[in-house]
Amino acid sequence: YEGKCVFCRIARREEPRTALLPCQYEDLVCFRDIKPDAPHHYLVVPVEHVRNCKTLKKEHIPLVKKMMEVGKNVLQHNNFNDMSDVRMGFHWPPFCSIAHLHLHVLAPASQLGFLARLLYRVNSYWFIT
């Protein structure tokens, strides 16, 4: 737990202005991005402070799989079912706005604007899917 990390505070329910969405795992939280780049733009965040995707190790594979599962579930819960039009991924350091691992879940990817298409470009130098 990093007291100055906003995502740690959100995960511990210390930020009452951030509404958490239904999540089937106690070690993850999900909420809407405050600056959405798509009609559906959610962040899936582990409660445990993991710095970023560059610090992930082999033992984190189950965590990342669960994060993706939560992303799909929140989309379905919000009546979005076309999983072929979804973009999920992590910003690669130093292109992270917050130093706490967070999976971006964006849909429909086909409606991303010009800048968002650049920011969330599949397997680019700054965003990995």
N, C-alpha and C. Protein backbone atom coordinates (compact mmCIF):
# COMPACT_ATOMS: atom_id res chain seq x y z
N TYR A 1 0.85 -1.19 0.00
CA TYR A 1 0.00 0.00 0.00
C TYR A 1 0.88 1.23 0.00
N GLU A 2 0.61 2.10 -0.96
CA GLU A 2 1.31 3.37 -1.06
C GLU A 2 0.31 4.48 -0.75
N GLY A 3 0.46 5.13 0.39
CA GLY A 3 -0.49 6.13 0.83
C GLY A 3 -0.70 7.29 -0.12
N LYS A 4 0.32 7.63 -0.91
CA LYS A 4 0.21 8.74 -1.86
C LYS A 4 -0.35 8.30 -3.21
N CYS A 5 -0.51 7.00 -3.42
CA CYS A 5 -0.99 6.47 -4.71
C CYS A 5 -2.51 6.53 -4.76
N VAL A 6 -3.05 7.27 -5.72
CA VAL A 6 -4.50 7.43 -5.82
C VAL A 6 -5.18 6.09 -6.09
N PHE A 7 -4.57 5.20 -6.86
CA PHE A 7 -5.20 3.91 -7.13
C PHE A 7 -5.19 3.01 -5.89
N CYS A 8 -4.18 3.12 -5.06
CA CYS A 8 -4.19 2.38 -3.78
C CYS A 8 -5.34 2.88 -2.91
N ARG A 9 -5.53 4.20 -2.88
CA ARG A 9 -6.61 4.77 -2.07
C ARG A 9 -7.98 4.36 -2.62
N ILE A 10 -8.12 4.35 -3.95
CA ILE A 10 -9.39 3.92 -4.55
C ILE A 10 -9.64 2.46 -4.22
N ALA A 11 -8.61 1.62 -4.37
CA ALA A 11 -8.76 0.19 -4.12
C ALA A 11 -9.13 -0.10 -2.67
N ARG A 12 -8.71 0.78 -1.76
CA ARG A 12 -9.03 0.62 -0.33
C ARG A 12 -10.29 1.39 0.06
N ARG A 13 -11.00 1.88 -0.96
CA ARG A 13 -12.26 2.60 -0.76
C ARG A 13 -12.08 3.86 0.09
N GLU A 14 -10.96 4.53 -0.11
CA GLU A 14 -10.67 5.78 0.61
C GLU A 14 -10.95 7.01 -0.25
N GLU A 15 -11.46 6.79 -1.46
CA GLU A 15 -11.79 7.89 -2.36
C GLU A 15 -13.29 7.79 -2.66
N PRO A 16 -14.14 8.37 -1.80
CA PRO A 16 -15.59 8.18 -1.95
C PRO A 16 -16.17 8.73 -3.26
N ARG A 17 -15.46 9.62 -3.93
CA ARG A 17 -15.98 10.16 -5.19
C ARG A 17 -15.81 9.18 -6.35
N THR A 18 -15.04 8.12 -6.16
CA THR A 18 -14.84 7.12 -7.22
C THR A 18 -15.78 5.94 -6.97
N ALA A 19 -16.75 5.80 -7.86
CA ALA A 19 -17.71 4.70 -7.74
C ALA A 19 -17.08 3.42 -8.30
N LEU A 20 -17.04 2.40 -7.47
CA LEU A 20 -16.52 1.11 -7.91
C LEU A 20 -17.62 0.32 -8.60
N LEU A 21 -17.24 -0.37 -9.65
CA LEU A 21 -18.18 -1.20 -10.40
C LEU A 21 -18.12 -2.62 -9.86
N PRO A 22 -19.16 -3.41 -10.13
CA PRO A 22 -19.16 -4.80 -9.64
C PRO A 22 -17.92 -5.56 -10.13
N CYS A 23 -17.30 -6.27 -9.20
CA CYS A 23 -16.08 -7.03 -9.50
C CYS A 23 -16.14 -8.33 -8.71
N GLN A 24 -15.87 -9.43 -9.39
CA GLN A 24 -16.01 -10.74 -8.75
C GLN A 24 -14.80 -11.15 -7.92
N TYR A 25 -13.76 -10.35 -7.89
CA TYR A 25 -12.56 -10.69 -7.13
C TYR A 25 -12.27 -9.61 -6.09
N GLU A 26 -11.92 -10.06 -4.88
CA GLU A 26 -11.63 -9.12 -3.80
C GLU A 26 -10.28 -8.43 -3.96
N ASP A 27 -9.38 -9.03 -4.77
CA ASP A 27 -8.05 -8.44 -4.94
C ASP A 27 -7.97 -7.49 -6.13
N LEU A 28 -9.13 -7.18 -6.75
CA LEU A 28 -9.18 -6.25 -7.87
C LEU A 28 -10.34 -5.28 -7.68
N VAL A 29 -10.21 -4.09 -8.25
CA VAL A 29 -11.32 -3.15 -8.32
C VAL A 29 -11.44 -2.66 -9.76
N CYS A 30 -12.62 -2.18 -10.09
CA CYS A 30 -12.87 -1.66 -11.43
C CYS A 30 -13.68 -0.38 -11.31
N PHE A 31 -13.33 0.61 -12.13
CA PHE A 31 -14.05 1.88 -12.12
C PHE A 31 -13.89 2.56 -13.47
N ARG A 32 -14.74 3.54 -13.72
CA ARG A 32 -14.68 4.28 -14.98
C ARG A 32 -13.46 5.20 -15.00
N ASP A 33 -12.86 5.33 -16.16
CA ASP A 33 -11.75 6.27 -16.34
C ASP A 33 -12.31 7.69 -16.22
N ILE A 34 -11.59 8.58 -15.54
CA ILE A 34 -12.10 9.94 -15.35
C ILE A 34 -12.04 10.77 -16.63
N LYS A 35 -11.23 10.34 -17.61
CA LYS A 35 -11.16 11.01 -18.90
C LYS A 35 -11.36 9.95 -19.99
N PRO A 36 -12.60 9.51 -20.18
CA PRO A 36 -12.84 8.39 -21.09
C PRO A 36 -12.51 8.71 -22.54
N ASP A 37 -11.90 7.76 -23.21
CA ASP A 37 -11.56 7.88 -24.62
C ASP A 37 -12.46 7.02 -25.50
N ALA A 38 -13.45 6.38 -24.90
CA ALA A 38 -14.42 5.55 -25.61
C ALA A 38 -15.71 5.56 -24.81
N PRO A 39 -16.83 5.19 -25.44
CA PRO A 39 -18.08 5.13 -24.70
C PRO A 39 -17.99 4.25 -23.44
N HIS A 40 -17.22 3.18 -23.53
CA HIS A 40 -16.93 2.34 -22.36
C HIS A 40 -15.42 2.42 -22.14
N HIS A 41 -15.00 3.04 -21.06
CA HIS A 41 -13.57 3.12 -20.74
C HIS A 41 -13.43 2.89 -19.24
N TYR A 42 -12.96 1.71 -18.90
CA TYR A 42 -12.83 1.30 -17.51
C TYR A 42 -11.38 0.99 -17.19
N LEU A 43 -11.07 1.06 -15.91
CA LEU A 43 -9.75 0.66 -15.42
C LEU A 43 -9.94 -0.48 -14.44
N VAL A 44 -9.13 -1.52 -14.60
CA VAL A 44 -9.12 -2.64 -13.67
C VAL A 44 -7.79 -2.57 -12.94
N VAL A 45 -7.86 -2.51 -11.60
CA VAL A 45 -6.69 -2.21 -10.77
C VAL A 45 -6.56 -3.25 -9.66
N PRO A 46 -5.35 -3.79 -9.47
CA PRO A 46 -5.17 -4.69 -8.32
C PRO A 46 -5.13 -3.89 -7.02
N VAL A 47 -5.67 -4.48 -5.95
CA VAL A 47 -5.62 -3.83 -4.64
C VAL A 47 -4.17 -3.72 -4.18
N GLU A 48 -3.40 -4.76 -4.41
CA GLU A 48 -1.97 -4.75 -4.07
C GLU A 48 -1.25 -3.75 -4.99
N HIS A 49 -0.36 -2.98 -4.44
CA HIS A 49 0.37 -2.00 -5.25
C HIS A 49 1.42 -2.72 -6.10
N VAL A 50 1.14 -2.79 -7.38
CA VAL A 50 2.10 -3.28 -8.38
C VAL A 50 2.44 -2.06 -9.21
N ARG A 51 3.71 -1.72 -9.32
CA ARG A 51 4.12 -0.44 -9.91
C ARG A 51 3.63 -0.24 -11.34
N ASN A 52 3.89 -1.15 -12.24
CA ASN A 52 3.46 -1.02 -13.64
C ASN A 52 3.67 -2.35 -14.37
N CYS A 53 3.33 -2.39 -15.64
CA CYS A 53 3.42 -3.65 -16.39
C CYS A 53 4.87 -4.09 -16.59
N LYS A 54 5.80 -3.17 -16.51
CA LYS A 54 7.22 -3.52 -16.68
C LYS A 54 7.74 -4.33 -15.49
N THR A 55 7.08 -4.22 -14.35
CA THR A 55 7.51 -4.94 -13.15
C THR A 55 6.83 -6.31 -13.01
N LEU A 56 5.95 -6.64 -13.97
CA LEU A 56 5.26 -7.93 -13.89
C LEU A 56 6.25 -9.08 -14.09
N LYS A 57 5.98 -10.18 -13.39
CA LYS A 57 6.79 -11.38 -13.48
C LYS A 57 5.88 -12.55 -13.85
N LYS A 58 6.48 -13.68 -14.10
CA LYS A 58 5.73 -14.86 -14.51
C LYS A 58 4.60 -15.18 -13.52
N GLU A 59 4.86 -15.00 -12.23
CA GLU A 59 3.84 -15.31 -11.23
C GLU A 59 2.64 -14.36 -11.26
N HIS A 60 2.73 -13.27 -12.03
CA HIS A 60 1.62 -12.33 -12.16
C HIS A 60 0.64 -12.72 -13.28
N ILE A 61 0.95 -13.77 -14.04
CA ILE A 61 0.08 -14.16 -15.15
C ILE A 61 -1.36 -14.39 -14.69
N PRO A 62 -1.61 -15.13 -13.59
CA PRO A 62 -3.00 -15.30 -13.15
C PRO A 62 -3.68 -13.96 -12.82
N LEU A 63 -2.94 -13.02 -12.25
CA LEU A 63 -3.49 -11.70 -11.94
C LEU A 63 -3.94 -10.99 -13.22
N VAL A 64 -3.08 -10.99 -14.23
CA VAL A 64 -3.41 -10.31 -15.48
C VAL A 64 -4.61 -10.99 -16.15
N LYS A 65 -4.67 -12.30 -16.11
CA LYS A 65 -5.83 -13.01 -16.68
C LYS A 65 -7.11 -12.62 -15.96
N LYS A 66 -7.05 -12.52 -14.63
CA LYS A 66 -8.22 -12.10 -13.86
C LYS A 66 -8.61 -10.66 -14.21
N MET A 67 -7.63 -9.81 -14.40
CA MET A 67 -7.91 -8.42 -14.76
C MET A 67 -8.67 -8.37 -16.09
N MET A 68 -8.23 -9.18 -17.05
CA MET A 68 -8.92 -9.21 -18.35
C MET A 68 -10.33 -9.78 -18.21
N GLU A 69 -10.49 -10.77 -17.37
CA GLU A 69 -11.81 -11.36 -17.13
C GLU A 69 -12.75 -10.31 -16.54
N VAL A 70 -12.26 -9.54 -15.58
CA VAL A 70 -13.06 -8.47 -14.98
C VAL A 70 -13.44 -7.44 -16.05
N GLY A 71 -12.49 -7.10 -16.92
CA GLY A 71 -12.77 -6.15 -18.00
C GLY A 71 -13.89 -6.63 -18.90
N LYS A 72 -13.85 -7.88 -19.29
CA LYS A 72 -14.92 -8.45 -20.14
C LYS A 72 -16.25 -8.46 -19.40
N ASN A 73 -16.21 -8.84 -18.12
CA ASN A 73 -17.44 -8.90 -17.35
C ASN A 73 -18.08 -7.53 -17.17
N VAL A 74 -17.28 -6.50 -16.93
CA VAL A 74 -17.86 -5.16 -16.74
C VAL A 74 -18.47 -4.67 -18.04
N LEU A 75 -17.86 -5.00 -19.17
CA LEU A 75 -18.45 -4.63 -20.45
C LEU A 75 -19.81 -5.32 -20.64
N GLN A 76 -19.86 -6.61 -20.38
CA GLN A 76 -21.11 -7.35 -20.52
C GLN A 76 -22.16 -6.84 -19.55
N HIS A 77 -21.72 -6.51 -18.33
CA HIS A 77 -22.65 -5.96 -17.33
C HIS A 77 -23.24 -4.63 -17.79
N ASN A 78 -22.49 -3.92 -18.64
CA ASN A 78 -22.94 -2.64 -19.18
C ASN A 78 -23.46 -2.78 -20.61
N ASN A 79 -23.94 -3.98 -20.93
CA ASN A 79 -24.62 -4.27 -22.20
C ASN A 79 -23.75 -4.09 -23.43
N PHE A 80 -22.46 -4.34 -23.30
CA PHE A 80 -21.58 -4.36 -24.47
C PHE A 80 -21.08 -5.79 -24.62
N ASN A 81 -21.42 -6.42 -25.74
CA ASN A 81 -21.11 -7.84 -25.92
C ASN A 81 -20.24 -8.16 -27.12
N ASP A 82 -19.87 -7.18 -27.93
CA ASP A 82 -19.05 -7.44 -29.11
C ASP A 82 -17.57 -7.45 -28.72
N MET A 83 -17.10 -8.57 -28.23
CA MET A 83 -15.72 -8.66 -27.72
C MET A 83 -14.67 -8.56 -28.83
N SER A 84 -15.11 -8.56 -30.10
CA SER A 84 -14.16 -8.36 -31.20
C SER A 84 -13.87 -6.87 -31.40
N ASP A 85 -14.61 -5.99 -30.71
CA ASP A 85 -14.43 -4.54 -30.84
C ASP A 85 -14.01 -3.93 -29.51
N VAL A 86 -13.09 -4.63 -28.82
CA VAL A 86 -12.60 -4.20 -27.51
C VAL A 86 -11.09 -4.04 -27.58
N ARG A 87 -10.58 -3.04 -26.88
CA ARG A 87 -9.13 -2.86 -26.74
C ARG A 87 -8.81 -2.91 -25.26
N MET A 88 -7.91 -3.81 -24.88
CA MET A 88 -7.45 -3.90 -23.49
C MET A 88 -5.93 -3.88 -23.49
N GLY A 89 -5.37 -3.16 -22.54
CA GLY A 89 -3.92 -3.13 -22.45
C GLY A 89 -3.41 -2.19 -21.37
N PHE A 90 -2.07 -2.13 -21.33
CA PHE A 90 -1.35 -1.34 -20.33
C PHE A 90 -0.45 -0.34 -21.04
N HIS A 91 -0.35 0.86 -20.47
CA HIS A 91 0.65 1.81 -20.96
C HIS A 91 2.02 1.39 -20.43
N TRP A 92 3.01 1.41 -21.31
CA TRP A 92 4.38 1.02 -20.98
C TRP A 92 5.10 2.23 -20.41
N PRO A 93 5.81 2.05 -19.29
CA PRO A 93 6.57 3.18 -18.72
C PRO A 93 7.56 3.73 -19.75
N PRO A 94 7.73 5.01 -19.82
CA PRO A 94 7.28 6.06 -18.90
C PRO A 94 5.94 6.69 -19.30
N PHE A 95 5.14 6.00 -20.08
CA PHE A 95 3.89 6.56 -20.59
C PHE A 95 2.69 6.27 -19.69
N CYS A 96 2.95 5.97 -18.41
CA CYS A 96 1.89 5.73 -17.43
C CYS A 96 1.61 7.02 -16.68
N SER A 97 0.36 7.37 -16.57
CA SER A 97 0.01 8.58 -15.83
C SER A 97 0.06 8.34 -14.32
N ILE A 98 -0.19 7.10 -13.90
CA ILE A 98 -0.17 6.74 -12.49
C ILE A 98 0.66 5.48 -12.33
N ALA A 99 1.59 5.49 -11.38
CA ALA A 99 2.51 4.36 -11.18
C ALA A 99 1.88 3.27 -10.32
N HIS A 100 0.77 2.75 -10.80
CA HIS A 100 0.09 1.61 -10.18
C HIS A 100 -0.53 0.86 -11.35
N LEU A 101 -0.25 -0.42 -11.46
CA LEU A 101 -0.73 -1.23 -12.57
C LEU A 101 -2.23 -1.02 -12.78
N HIS A 102 -2.63 -0.73 -14.02
CA HIS A 102 -4.04 -0.60 -14.34
C HIS A 102 -4.27 -0.99 -15.80
N LEU A 103 -5.25 -1.86 -15.98
CA LEU A 103 -5.63 -2.33 -17.30
C LEU A 103 -6.70 -1.41 -17.86
N HIS A 104 -6.43 -0.86 -19.05
CA HIS A 104 -7.43 -0.05 -19.74
C HIS A 104 -8.35 -0.99 -20.50
N VAL A 105 -9.64 -0.79 -20.36
CA VAL A 105 -10.66 -1.56 -21.08
C VAL A 105 -11.48 -0.54 -21.86
N LEU A 106 -11.38 -0.59 -23.20
CA LEU A 106 -12.03 0.40 -24.05
C LEU A 106 -12.94 -0.30 -25.06
N ALA A 107 -14.15 0.23 -25.22
CA ALA A 107 -15.07 -0.32 -26.20
C ALA A 107 -16.12 0.73 -26.57
N PRO A 108 -16.59 0.71 -27.77
CA PRO A 108 -16.06 -0.03 -28.91
C PRO A 108 -14.77 0.62 -29.41
N ALA A 109 -13.80 -0.22 -29.69
CA ALA A 109 -12.51 0.27 -30.18
C ALA A 109 -12.67 0.98 -31.52
N SER A 110 -13.67 0.58 -32.27
CA SER A 110 -13.91 1.20 -33.58
C SER A 110 -14.35 2.65 -33.45
N GLN A 111 -14.74 3.09 -32.26
CA GLN A 111 -15.17 4.47 -32.06
C GLN A 111 -14.11 5.33 -31.39
N LEU A 112 -12.90 4.81 -31.23
CA LEU A 112 -11.83 5.63 -30.66
C LEU A 112 -11.53 6.78 -31.62
N GLY A 113 -11.35 7.97 -31.05
CA GLY A 113 -10.99 9.12 -31.86
C GLY A 113 -9.55 9.04 -32.34
N PHE A 114 -9.14 10.01 -33.13
CA PHE A 114 -7.80 10.00 -33.72
C PHE A 114 -6.70 9.90 -32.66
N LEU A 115 -6.76 10.77 -31.65
CA LEU A 115 -5.73 10.75 -30.62
C LEU A 115 -5.79 9.47 -29.79
N ALA A 116 -6.99 9.01 -29.48
CA ALA A 116 -7.14 7.77 -28.71
C ALA A 116 -6.60 6.57 -29.49
N ARG A 117 -6.78 6.58 -30.80
CA ARG A 117 -6.22 5.49 -31.62
C ARG A 117 -4.70 5.45 -31.50
N LEU A 118 -4.10 6.62 -31.36
CA LEU A 118 -2.65 6.68 -31.15
C LEU A 118 -2.28 6.25 -29.74
N LEU A 119 -2.98 6.78 -28.74
CA LEU A 119 -2.67 6.47 -27.34
C LEU A 119 -2.81 4.98 -27.03
N TYR A 120 -3.80 4.33 -27.66
CA TYR A 120 -4.10 2.93 -27.36
C TYR A 120 -3.82 2.04 -28.57
N ARG A 121 -2.79 2.40 -29.32
CA ARG A 121 -2.42 1.63 -30.51
C ARG A 121 -1.90 0.25 -30.10
N VAL A 122 -2.43 -0.78 -30.72
CA VAL A 122 -2.10 -2.16 -30.36
C VAL A 122 -0.59 -2.41 -30.43
N ASN A 123 -0.05 -2.92 -29.33
CA ASN A 123 1.36 -3.30 -29.21
C ASN A 123 2.33 -2.26 -29.78
N SER A 124 2.07 -1.02 -29.41
CA SER A 124 2.96 0.05 -29.81
C SER A 124 4.08 0.18 -28.78
N TYR A 125 4.92 1.15 -28.97
CA TYR A 125 6.03 1.39 -28.05
C TYR A 125 5.51 1.80 -26.68
N TRP A 126 4.31 2.37 -26.63
CA TRP A 126 3.78 2.91 -25.37
C TRP A 126 2.56 2.19 -24.83
N PHE A 127 1.98 1.25 -25.57
CA PHE A 127 0.77 0.54 -25.12
C PHE A 127 0.85 -0.92 -25.54
N ILE A 128 0.78 -1.81 -24.56
CA ILE A 128 0.85 -3.25 -24.88
C ILE A 128 -0.48 -3.92 -24.56
N THR A 129 -0.87 -4.79 -25.45
CA THR A 129 -2.14 -5.50 -25.28
C THR A 129 -1.88 -6.95 -24.89
